[in-house]
Amino acid sequence: MKKIAVVMGSKSDLEIVEKCINILQEFQIDFEVHILSAHRTPEEVKTLATQAEQNDFGVIIAAAGKSAHLAGVIASLTTLPVIALPIKTSDLGGMDSLLSSVQMPSGIPVACVAINGAENAGLLAIEMLAIHDKTLSLKLKEKRQSNAEKILKDNKEINLKYKKEQ
């Protein structure tokens, strides 16, 4: 199975990115984590992106805040799927990160999850790998079923708690 690269623009993104890492670990996906900046370490970003396919990556997740160009720069250097994970910022609440991630020019697609949507970034990357892996696809279906069962259990409990006496 292919690996997933998780790249964050700075160490301050780690608290959010760990939610993605936890999902990848839960599904026993091979992955690597890197701190690289589109603006401060462009050569290292270029090396990671241009060598990603030969290093057996199938998907790249790029987490960045503020002027979040990391995903777009990586996408411009590889044809592998790239998922942007915009990080919430103190200045504009993450809207700057979101818009920098989704406003890509034609020809350079980048998938994008919600601001701080790390868990969904991990799940989307896993879904991409699961296209060619039936076992992984089954694990995803089981997780969704488990999530549904939890909600139904919570629903039952809340209904019992607030049931009108008859």
N, C-alpha and C. Protein backbone atom coordinates (compact mmCIF):
# COMPACT_ATOMS: atom_id res chain seq x y z
N MET A 1 0.83 -1.17 0.00
CA MET A 1 0.00 0.00 0.00
C MET A 1 0.88 1.25 0.00
N LYS A 2 0.41 2.27 -0.69
CA LYS A 2 1.14 3.54 -0.74
C LYS A 2 1.13 4.22 0.62
N LYS A 3 2.10 5.10 0.83
CA LYS A 3 2.21 5.88 2.06
C LYS A 3 1.51 7.22 1.88
N ILE A 4 1.32 7.90 2.99
CA ILE A 4 0.78 9.26 2.98
C ILE A 4 1.84 10.18 3.57
N ALA A 5 2.09 11.28 2.89
CA ALA A 5 2.98 12.31 3.42
C ALA A 5 2.12 13.38 4.09
N VAL A 6 2.47 13.73 5.31
CA VAL A 6 1.81 14.80 6.03
C VAL A 6 2.85 15.90 6.22
N VAL A 7 2.58 17.05 5.64
CA VAL A 7 3.53 18.16 5.68
C VAL A 7 2.85 19.35 6.34
N MET A 8 3.51 19.93 7.32
CA MET A 8 2.96 21.13 7.94
C MET A 8 3.95 22.27 7.78
N GLY A 9 3.41 23.48 7.66
CA GLY A 9 4.24 24.65 7.41
C GLY A 9 5.09 25.08 8.58
N SER A 10 4.65 24.77 9.79
CA SER A 10 5.45 25.10 10.97
C SER A 10 5.04 24.19 12.13
N LYS A 11 5.90 24.14 13.12
CA LYS A 11 5.65 23.29 14.29
C LYS A 11 4.38 23.69 15.03
N SER A 12 3.99 24.95 14.92
CA SER A 12 2.78 25.42 15.60
C SER A 12 1.52 24.74 15.06
N ASP A 13 1.59 24.11 13.90
CA ASP A 13 0.45 23.40 13.31
C ASP A 13 0.27 22.00 13.90
N LEU A 14 1.25 21.52 14.65
CA LEU A 14 1.25 20.13 15.10
C LEU A 14 0.03 19.76 15.96
N GLU A 15 -0.41 20.66 16.82
CA GLU A 15 -1.54 20.33 17.69
C GLU A 15 -2.77 19.92 16.85
N ILE A 16 -3.00 20.59 15.76
CA ILE A 16 -4.12 20.25 14.86
C ILE A 16 -3.76 19.01 14.04
N VAL A 17 -2.58 18.98 13.47
CA VAL A 17 -2.16 17.90 12.58
C VAL A 17 -2.16 16.54 13.30
N GLU A 18 -1.94 16.54 14.61
CA GLU A 18 -1.95 15.27 15.35
C GLU A 18 -3.28 14.53 15.23
N LYS A 19 -4.37 15.25 15.03
CA LYS A 19 -5.68 14.60 14.83
C LYS A 19 -5.67 13.79 13.53
N CYS A 20 -5.00 14.29 12.53
CA CYS A 20 -4.83 13.57 11.26
C CYS A 20 -3.93 12.35 11.48
N ILE A 21 -2.84 12.56 12.17
CA ILE A 21 -1.89 11.47 12.44
C ILE A 21 -2.59 10.34 13.21
N ASN A 22 -3.43 10.71 14.17
CA ASN A 22 -4.15 9.69 14.94
C ASN A 22 -5.03 8.83 14.05
N ILE A 23 -5.68 9.43 13.08
CA ILE A 23 -6.53 8.68 12.14
C ILE A 23 -5.67 7.73 11.31
N LEU A 24 -4.55 8.22 10.81
CA LEU A 24 -3.67 7.38 10.00
C LEU A 24 -3.16 6.20 10.83
N GLN A 25 -2.84 6.45 12.09
CA GLN A 25 -2.41 5.36 12.98
C GLN A 25 -3.54 4.38 13.25
N GLU A 26 -4.74 4.89 13.46
CA GLU A 26 -5.90 4.03 13.70
C GLU A 26 -6.11 3.05 12.54
N PHE A 27 -5.90 3.51 11.33
CA PHE A 27 -6.07 2.67 10.14
C PHE A 27 -4.78 1.94 9.75
N GLN A 28 -3.73 2.10 10.54
CA GLN A 28 -2.44 1.45 10.30
C GLN A 28 -1.87 1.77 8.92
N ILE A 29 -1.92 3.05 8.58
CA ILE A 29 -1.39 3.54 7.31
C ILE A 29 0.06 3.96 7.53
N ASP A 30 0.93 3.58 6.60
CA ASP A 30 2.30 4.07 6.64
C ASP A 30 2.30 5.55 6.25
N PHE A 31 3.01 6.35 7.01
CA PHE A 31 3.06 7.78 6.71
C PHE A 31 4.36 8.37 7.20
N GLU A 32 4.65 9.54 6.68
CA GLU A 32 5.77 10.34 7.15
C GLU A 32 5.24 11.72 7.48
N VAL A 33 5.84 12.37 8.47
CA VAL A 33 5.46 13.72 8.85
C VAL A 33 6.67 14.64 8.67
N HIS A 34 6.42 15.80 8.07
CA HIS A 34 7.50 16.76 7.81
C HIS A 34 7.04 18.16 8.19
N ILE A 35 7.98 19.00 8.58
CA ILE A 35 7.74 20.43 8.74
C ILE A 35 8.57 21.11 7.66
N LEU A 36 7.86 21.65 6.68
CA LEU A 36 8.50 22.34 5.56
C LEU A 36 7.63 23.53 5.18
N SER A 37 8.24 24.61 4.81
CA SER A 37 7.51 25.83 4.48
C SER A 37 7.67 26.16 2.99
N ALA A 38 6.54 26.48 2.36
CA ALA A 38 6.57 26.87 0.95
C ALA A 38 7.43 28.12 0.75
N HIS A 39 7.48 28.97 1.77
CA HIS A 39 8.20 30.24 1.64
C HIS A 39 9.60 30.22 2.24
N ARG A 40 9.78 29.46 3.32
CA ARG A 40 11.07 29.47 4.01
C ARG A 40 12.00 28.32 3.64
N THR A 41 11.42 27.22 3.13
CA THR A 41 12.24 26.08 2.69
C THR A 41 11.74 25.57 1.33
N PRO A 42 11.72 26.43 0.33
CA PRO A 42 11.15 26.04 -0.97
C PRO A 42 11.90 24.89 -1.64
N GLU A 43 13.18 24.81 -1.49
CA GLU A 43 13.93 23.73 -2.13
C GLU A 43 13.59 22.37 -1.53
N GLU A 44 13.43 22.34 -0.21
CA GLU A 44 13.07 21.08 0.46
C GLU A 44 11.64 20.66 0.09
N VAL A 45 10.74 21.63 -0.03
CA VAL A 45 9.37 21.33 -0.48
C VAL A 45 9.41 20.76 -1.89
N LYS A 46 10.21 21.38 -2.74
CA LYS A 46 10.33 20.90 -4.12
C LYS A 46 10.86 19.47 -4.16
N THR A 47 11.86 19.18 -3.36
CA THR A 47 12.42 17.82 -3.32
C THR A 47 11.37 16.82 -2.85
N LEU A 48 10.66 17.15 -1.77
CA LEU A 48 9.63 16.23 -1.27
C LEU A 48 8.59 15.97 -2.35
N ALA A 49 8.10 17.03 -2.99
CA ALA A 49 7.02 16.89 -3.98
C ALA A 49 7.48 16.15 -5.23
N THR A 50 8.63 16.48 -5.74
CA THR A 50 9.09 15.86 -7.00
C THR A 50 9.53 14.42 -6.81
N GLN A 51 9.89 14.06 -5.58
CA GLN A 51 10.32 12.68 -5.31
C GLN A 51 9.25 11.85 -4.61
N ALA A 52 8.08 12.42 -4.38
CA ALA A 52 7.04 11.74 -3.62
C ALA A 52 6.59 10.43 -4.28
N GLU A 53 6.39 10.45 -5.56
CA GLU A 53 5.92 9.25 -6.25
C GLU A 53 6.95 8.14 -6.18
N GLN A 54 8.20 8.46 -6.44
CA GLN A 54 9.26 7.44 -6.38
C GLN A 54 9.52 6.98 -4.95
N ASN A 55 9.13 7.78 -3.96
CA ASN A 55 9.27 7.38 -2.55
C ASN A 55 8.02 6.65 -2.05
N ASP A 56 7.17 6.25 -2.97
CA ASP A 56 6.00 5.40 -2.71
C ASP A 56 4.88 6.08 -1.94
N PHE A 57 4.73 7.39 -2.10
CA PHE A 57 3.59 8.09 -1.54
C PHE A 57 2.43 8.02 -2.52
N GLY A 58 1.22 7.96 -1.99
CA GLY A 58 0.04 7.95 -2.83
C GLY A 58 -0.76 9.23 -2.70
N VAL A 59 -0.61 9.91 -1.57
CA VAL A 59 -1.35 11.14 -1.28
C VAL A 59 -0.47 12.02 -0.40
N ILE A 60 -0.63 13.33 -0.56
CA ILE A 60 0.09 14.28 0.29
C ILE A 60 -0.94 15.18 0.97
N ILE A 61 -0.81 15.32 2.28
CA ILE A 61 -1.64 16.25 3.05
C ILE A 61 -0.74 17.42 3.43
N ALA A 62 -1.19 18.64 3.12
CA ALA A 62 -0.39 19.83 3.41
C ALA A 62 -1.17 20.76 4.33
N ALA A 63 -0.67 20.93 5.55
CA ALA A 63 -1.31 21.79 6.55
C ALA A 63 -0.55 23.09 6.67
N ALA A 64 -1.27 24.20 6.58
CA ALA A 64 -0.61 25.49 6.70
C ALA A 64 -1.62 26.57 7.09
N GLY A 65 -1.11 27.57 7.76
CA GLY A 65 -1.92 28.72 8.15
C GLY A 65 -1.47 29.97 7.43
N LYS A 66 -2.19 31.05 7.71
CA LYS A 66 -1.94 32.37 7.11
C LYS A 66 -1.95 32.27 5.59
N SER A 67 -0.89 32.69 4.91
CA SER A 67 -0.86 32.56 3.45
C SER A 67 -0.47 31.12 3.14
N ALA A 68 -1.48 30.25 3.14
CA ALA A 68 -1.28 28.80 3.11
C ALA A 68 -1.02 28.30 1.69
N HIS A 69 0.15 28.59 1.18
CA HIS A 69 0.49 28.20 -0.18
C HIS A 69 1.10 26.81 -0.28
N LEU A 70 1.32 26.16 0.84
CA LEU A 70 2.03 24.88 0.86
C LEU A 70 1.37 23.85 -0.05
N ALA A 71 0.07 23.64 0.08
CA ALA A 71 -0.62 22.64 -0.73
C ALA A 71 -0.53 22.97 -2.21
N GLY A 72 -0.72 24.21 -2.56
CA GLY A 72 -0.67 24.62 -3.96
C GLY A 72 0.71 24.46 -4.57
N VAL A 73 1.73 24.81 -3.82
CA VAL A 73 3.10 24.65 -4.31
C VAL A 73 3.39 23.17 -4.52
N ILE A 74 3.02 22.34 -3.55
CA ILE A 74 3.26 20.91 -3.69
C ILE A 74 2.50 20.37 -4.90
N ALA A 75 1.22 20.76 -5.04
CA ALA A 75 0.41 20.29 -6.17
C ALA A 75 1.00 20.70 -7.51
N SER A 76 1.67 21.83 -7.54
CA SER A 76 2.26 22.29 -8.80
C SER A 76 3.48 21.46 -9.21
N LEU A 77 3.99 20.67 -8.26
CA LEU A 77 5.22 19.91 -8.50
C LEU A 77 5.01 18.41 -8.60
N THR A 78 3.76 17.94 -8.42
CA THR A 78 3.48 16.51 -8.50
C THR A 78 2.08 16.31 -9.06
N THR A 79 1.84 15.13 -9.62
CA THR A 79 0.49 14.79 -10.06
C THR A 79 -0.22 13.91 -9.03
N LEU A 80 0.40 13.65 -7.89
CA LEU A 80 -0.27 12.93 -6.82
C LEU A 80 -1.37 13.82 -6.23
N PRO A 81 -2.43 13.21 -5.67
CA PRO A 81 -3.45 14.02 -5.02
C PRO A 81 -2.87 14.76 -3.81
N VAL A 82 -3.25 16.02 -3.70
CA VAL A 82 -2.82 16.85 -2.57
C VAL A 82 -4.08 17.36 -1.86
N ILE A 83 -4.07 17.20 -0.54
CA ILE A 83 -5.18 17.66 0.29
C ILE A 83 -4.68 18.81 1.15
N ALA A 84 -5.33 19.96 1.03
CA ALA A 84 -4.98 21.11 1.87
C ALA A 84 -5.74 21.02 3.18
N LEU A 85 -5.02 21.27 4.26
CA LEU A 85 -5.60 21.37 5.59
C LEU A 85 -5.33 22.79 6.08
N PRO A 86 -6.29 23.69 5.88
CA PRO A 86 -6.08 25.08 6.33
C PRO A 86 -6.13 25.15 7.85
N ILE A 87 -5.18 25.86 8.42
CA ILE A 87 -5.07 25.98 9.87
C ILE A 87 -5.64 27.32 10.33
N LYS A 88 -6.40 27.28 11.41
CA LYS A 88 -6.99 28.50 11.98
C LYS A 88 -5.87 29.43 12.43
N THR A 89 -6.05 30.70 12.15
CA THR A 89 -5.06 31.70 12.54
C THR A 89 -5.68 32.72 13.50
N SER A 90 -4.83 33.40 14.22
CA SER A 90 -5.32 34.41 15.16
C SER A 90 -5.75 35.69 14.43
N ASP A 91 -5.18 35.95 13.28
CA ASP A 91 -5.48 37.19 12.56
C ASP A 91 -6.86 37.17 11.91
N LEU A 92 -7.12 36.16 11.10
CA LEU A 92 -8.37 36.12 10.33
C LEU A 92 -9.17 34.85 10.58
N GLY A 93 -8.87 34.16 11.65
CA GLY A 93 -9.64 32.99 12.02
C GLY A 93 -9.53 31.81 11.07
N GLY A 94 -8.54 31.82 10.21
CA GLY A 94 -8.35 30.73 9.28
C GLY A 94 -8.92 30.98 7.89
N MET A 95 -9.68 32.05 7.73
CA MET A 95 -10.20 32.37 6.39
C MET A 95 -9.07 32.62 5.40
N ASP A 96 -7.99 33.23 5.88
CA ASP A 96 -6.83 33.45 5.02
C ASP A 96 -6.26 32.12 4.56
N SER A 97 -6.16 31.17 5.48
CA SER A 97 -5.63 29.85 5.15
C SER A 97 -6.56 29.12 4.18
N LEU A 98 -7.85 29.18 4.45
CA LEU A 98 -8.83 28.51 3.60
C LEU A 98 -8.79 29.06 2.18
N LEU A 99 -8.86 30.36 2.05
CA LEU A 99 -8.88 30.96 0.71
C LEU A 99 -7.58 30.72 -0.05
N SER A 100 -6.46 30.75 0.66
CA SER A 100 -5.18 30.46 0.01
C SER A 100 -5.13 29.02 -0.50
N SER A 101 -5.87 28.14 0.17
CA SER A 101 -5.86 26.71 -0.18
C SER A 101 -6.82 26.37 -1.32
N VAL A 102 -7.99 26.99 -1.33
CA VAL A 102 -9.01 26.59 -2.31
C VAL A 102 -8.96 27.38 -3.61
N GLN A 103 -8.36 28.54 -3.61
CA GLN A 103 -8.35 29.38 -4.80
C GLN A 103 -7.18 29.03 -5.72
N MET A 104 -7.20 27.81 -6.24
CA MET A 104 -6.12 27.35 -7.11
C MET A 104 -6.45 27.66 -8.57
N PRO A 105 -5.43 27.94 -9.35
CA PRO A 105 -5.67 28.20 -10.78
C PRO A 105 -6.03 26.91 -11.51
N SER A 106 -6.75 27.05 -12.60
CA SER A 106 -7.11 25.89 -13.42
C SER A 106 -5.86 25.10 -13.78
N GLY A 107 -6.00 23.78 -13.70
CA GLY A 107 -4.90 22.90 -14.06
C GLY A 107 -4.07 22.40 -12.89
N ILE A 108 -4.24 23.01 -11.72
CA ILE A 108 -3.49 22.59 -10.53
C ILE A 108 -4.51 22.37 -9.41
N PRO A 109 -5.19 21.20 -9.42
CA PRO A 109 -6.21 20.96 -8.40
C PRO A 109 -5.63 20.64 -7.03
N VAL A 110 -6.32 21.11 -6.02
CA VAL A 110 -6.00 20.78 -4.63
C VAL A 110 -7.33 20.50 -3.94
N ALA A 111 -7.45 19.34 -3.31
CA ALA A 111 -8.62 19.07 -2.48
C ALA A 111 -8.44 19.86 -1.19
N CYS A 112 -9.54 20.21 -0.54
CA CYS A 112 -9.41 21.02 0.67
C CYS A 112 -10.49 20.61 1.67
N VAL A 113 -10.08 20.46 2.91
CA VAL A 113 -11.01 20.17 4.00
C VAL A 113 -11.26 21.46 4.78
N ALA A 114 -12.09 21.38 5.78
CA ALA A 114 -12.44 22.55 6.59
C ALA A 114 -11.24 23.09 7.36
N ILE A 115 -11.36 24.31 7.80
CA ILE A 115 -10.35 24.90 8.68
C ILE A 115 -10.21 23.99 9.91
N ASN A 116 -8.99 23.58 10.18
CA ASN A 116 -8.65 22.66 11.28
C ASN A 116 -9.30 21.29 11.11
N GLY A 117 -9.70 20.93 9.90
CA GLY A 117 -10.37 19.65 9.63
C GLY A 117 -9.39 18.50 9.46
N ALA A 118 -8.52 18.33 10.42
CA ALA A 118 -7.43 17.35 10.32
C ALA A 118 -7.93 15.92 10.21
N GLU A 119 -8.96 15.57 10.99
CA GLU A 119 -9.46 14.20 10.94
C GLU A 119 -9.99 13.89 9.54
N ASN A 120 -10.73 14.84 8.95
CA ASN A 120 -11.25 14.63 7.60
C ASN A 120 -10.13 14.59 6.56
N ALA A 121 -9.06 15.33 6.77
CA ALA A 121 -7.92 15.26 5.84
C ALA A 121 -7.36 13.85 5.83
N GLY A 122 -7.20 13.28 7.02
CA GLY A 122 -6.70 11.91 7.11
C GLY A 122 -7.66 10.92 6.47
N LEU A 123 -8.94 11.07 6.77
CA LEU A 123 -9.93 10.14 6.20
C LEU A 123 -10.02 10.27 4.68
N LEU A 124 -9.96 11.49 4.17
CA LEU A 124 -10.00 11.67 2.71
C LEU A 124 -8.79 11.02 2.05
N ALA A 125 -7.63 11.18 2.64
CA ALA A 125 -6.42 10.54 2.10
C ALA A 125 -6.57 9.02 2.11
N ILE A 126 -7.13 8.49 3.19
CA ILE A 126 -7.35 7.04 3.29
C ILE A 126 -8.35 6.59 2.23
N GLU A 127 -9.41 7.38 2.02
CA GLU A 127 -10.39 7.05 0.98
C GLU A 127 -9.72 6.98 -0.39
N MET A 128 -8.80 7.89 -0.64
CA MET A 128 -8.09 7.88 -1.92
C MET A 128 -7.27 6.60 -2.08
N LEU A 129 -6.60 6.18 -1.02
CA LEU A 129 -5.84 4.94 -1.08
C LEU A 129 -6.77 3.73 -1.20
N ALA A 130 -7.95 3.82 -0.59
CA ALA A 130 -8.89 2.70 -0.57
C ALA A 130 -9.52 2.43 -1.94
N ILE A 131 -9.36 3.34 -2.88
CA ILE A 131 -9.90 3.11 -4.23
C ILE A 131 -9.36 1.80 -4.79
N HIS A 132 -8.12 1.48 -4.45
CA HIS A 132 -7.47 0.27 -4.96
C HIS A 132 -7.16 -0.75 -3.87
N ASP A 133 -7.85 -0.62 -2.71
CA ASP A 133 -7.57 -1.52 -1.59
C ASP A 133 -8.88 -1.87 -0.90
N LYS A 134 -9.40 -3.05 -1.18
CA LYS A 134 -10.71 -3.48 -0.64
C LYS A 134 -10.69 -3.60 0.88
N THR A 135 -9.59 -4.04 1.45
CA THR A 135 -9.49 -4.17 2.91
C THR A 135 -9.61 -2.80 3.57
N LEU A 136 -8.92 -1.84 3.02
CA LEU A 136 -8.97 -0.48 3.55
C LEU A 136 -10.38 0.11 3.37
N SER A 137 -10.99 -0.17 2.26
CA SER A 137 -12.36 0.29 2.02
C SER A 137 -13.31 -0.28 3.07
N LEU A 138 -13.15 -1.55 3.39
CA LEU A 138 -13.98 -2.19 4.41
C LEU A 138 -13.77 -1.54 5.77
N LYS A 139 -12.52 -1.21 6.11
CA LYS A 139 -12.24 -0.55 7.39
C LYS A 139 -12.93 0.81 7.47
N LEU A 140 -12.95 1.53 6.35
CA LEU A 140 -13.64 2.83 6.31
C LEU A 140 -15.14 2.65 6.54
N LYS A 141 -15.72 1.64 5.90
CA LYS A 141 -17.16 1.37 6.09
C LYS A 141 -17.45 1.00 7.54
N GLU A 142 -16.58 0.23 8.15
CA GLU A 142 -16.76 -0.15 9.55
C GLU A 142 -16.68 1.07 10.47
N LYS A 143 -15.78 1.99 10.17
CA LYS A 143 -15.66 3.21 10.98
C LYS A 143 -16.94 4.04 10.87
N ARG A 144 -17.46 4.16 9.66
CA ARG A 144 -18.70 4.92 9.48
C ARG A 144 -19.85 4.26 10.23
N GLN A 145 -19.91 2.95 10.19
CA GLN A 145 -20.96 2.22 10.91
C GLN A 145 -20.82 2.45 12.41
N SER A 146 -19.61 2.41 12.91
CA SER A 146 -19.35 2.65 14.33
C SER A 146 -19.78 4.07 14.72
N ASN A 147 -19.47 5.04 13.87
CA ASN A 147 -19.88 6.42 14.12
C ASN A 147 -21.41 6.54 14.15
N ALA A 148 -22.08 5.86 13.23
CA ALA A 148 -23.55 5.88 13.18
C ALA A 148 -24.13 5.26 14.44
N GLU A 149 -23.57 4.13 14.87
CA GLU A 149 -24.06 3.46 16.07
C GLU A 149 -23.92 4.35 17.31
N LYS A 150 -22.83 5.11 17.39
CA LYS A 150 -22.64 6.02 18.53
C LYS A 150 -23.72 7.10 18.53
N ILE A 151 -24.01 7.66 17.39
CA ILE A 151 -25.05 8.70 17.31
C ILE A 151 -26.41 8.12 17.68
N LEU A 152 -26.71 6.93 17.19
CA LEU A 152 -28.00 6.30 17.51
C LEU A 152 -28.12 5.99 18.99
N LYS A 153 -27.01 5.59 19.61
CA LYS A 153 -26.99 5.34 21.06
C LYS A 153 -27.25 6.65 21.81
N ASP A 154 -26.56 7.71 21.39
CA ASP A 154 -26.76 9.02 22.01
C ASP A 154 -28.20 9.49 21.84
N ASN A 155 -28.78 9.24 20.67
CA ASN A 155 -30.15 9.62 20.40
C ASN A 155 -31.11 8.89 21.35
N LYS A 156 -30.88 7.62 21.52
CA LYS A 156 -31.74 6.82 22.40
C LYS A 156 -31.66 7.35 23.83
N GLU A 157 -30.43 7.64 24.30
CA GLU A 157 -30.24 8.14 25.65
C GLU A 157 -30.93 9.49 25.87
N ILE A 158 -30.81 10.38 24.89
CA ILE A 158 -31.41 11.71 25.04
C ILE A 158 -32.93 11.62 24.98
N ASN A 159 -33.44 10.71 24.16
CA ASN A 159 -34.89 10.51 24.09
C ASN A 159 -35.43 9.98 25.42
N LEU A 160 -34.70 9.07 26.03
CA LEU A 160 -35.13 8.53 27.33
C LEU A 160 -35.07 9.60 28.43
N LYS A 161 -34.05 10.41 28.37
CA LYS A 161 -33.86 11.45 29.39
C LYS A 161 -34.99 12.47 29.35
N TYR A 162 -35.44 12.83 28.17
CA TYR A 162 -36.42 13.90 28.03
C TYR A 162 -37.79 13.41 27.60
N LYS A 163 -38.02 12.13 27.76
CA LYS A 163 -39.32 11.56 27.39
C LYS A 163 -40.39 12.11 28.33
N LYS A 164 -41.48 12.54 27.75
CA LYS A 164 -42.59 13.05 28.56
C LYS A 164 -43.24 11.89 29.29
N GLU A 165 -43.54 12.16 30.52
CA GLU A 165 -44.26 11.13 31.30
C GLU A 165 -45.69 11.04 30.78
N GLN A 166 -46.14 9.83 30.63
CA GLN A 166 -47.48 9.62 30.09
C GLN A 166 -48.41 9.06 31.12
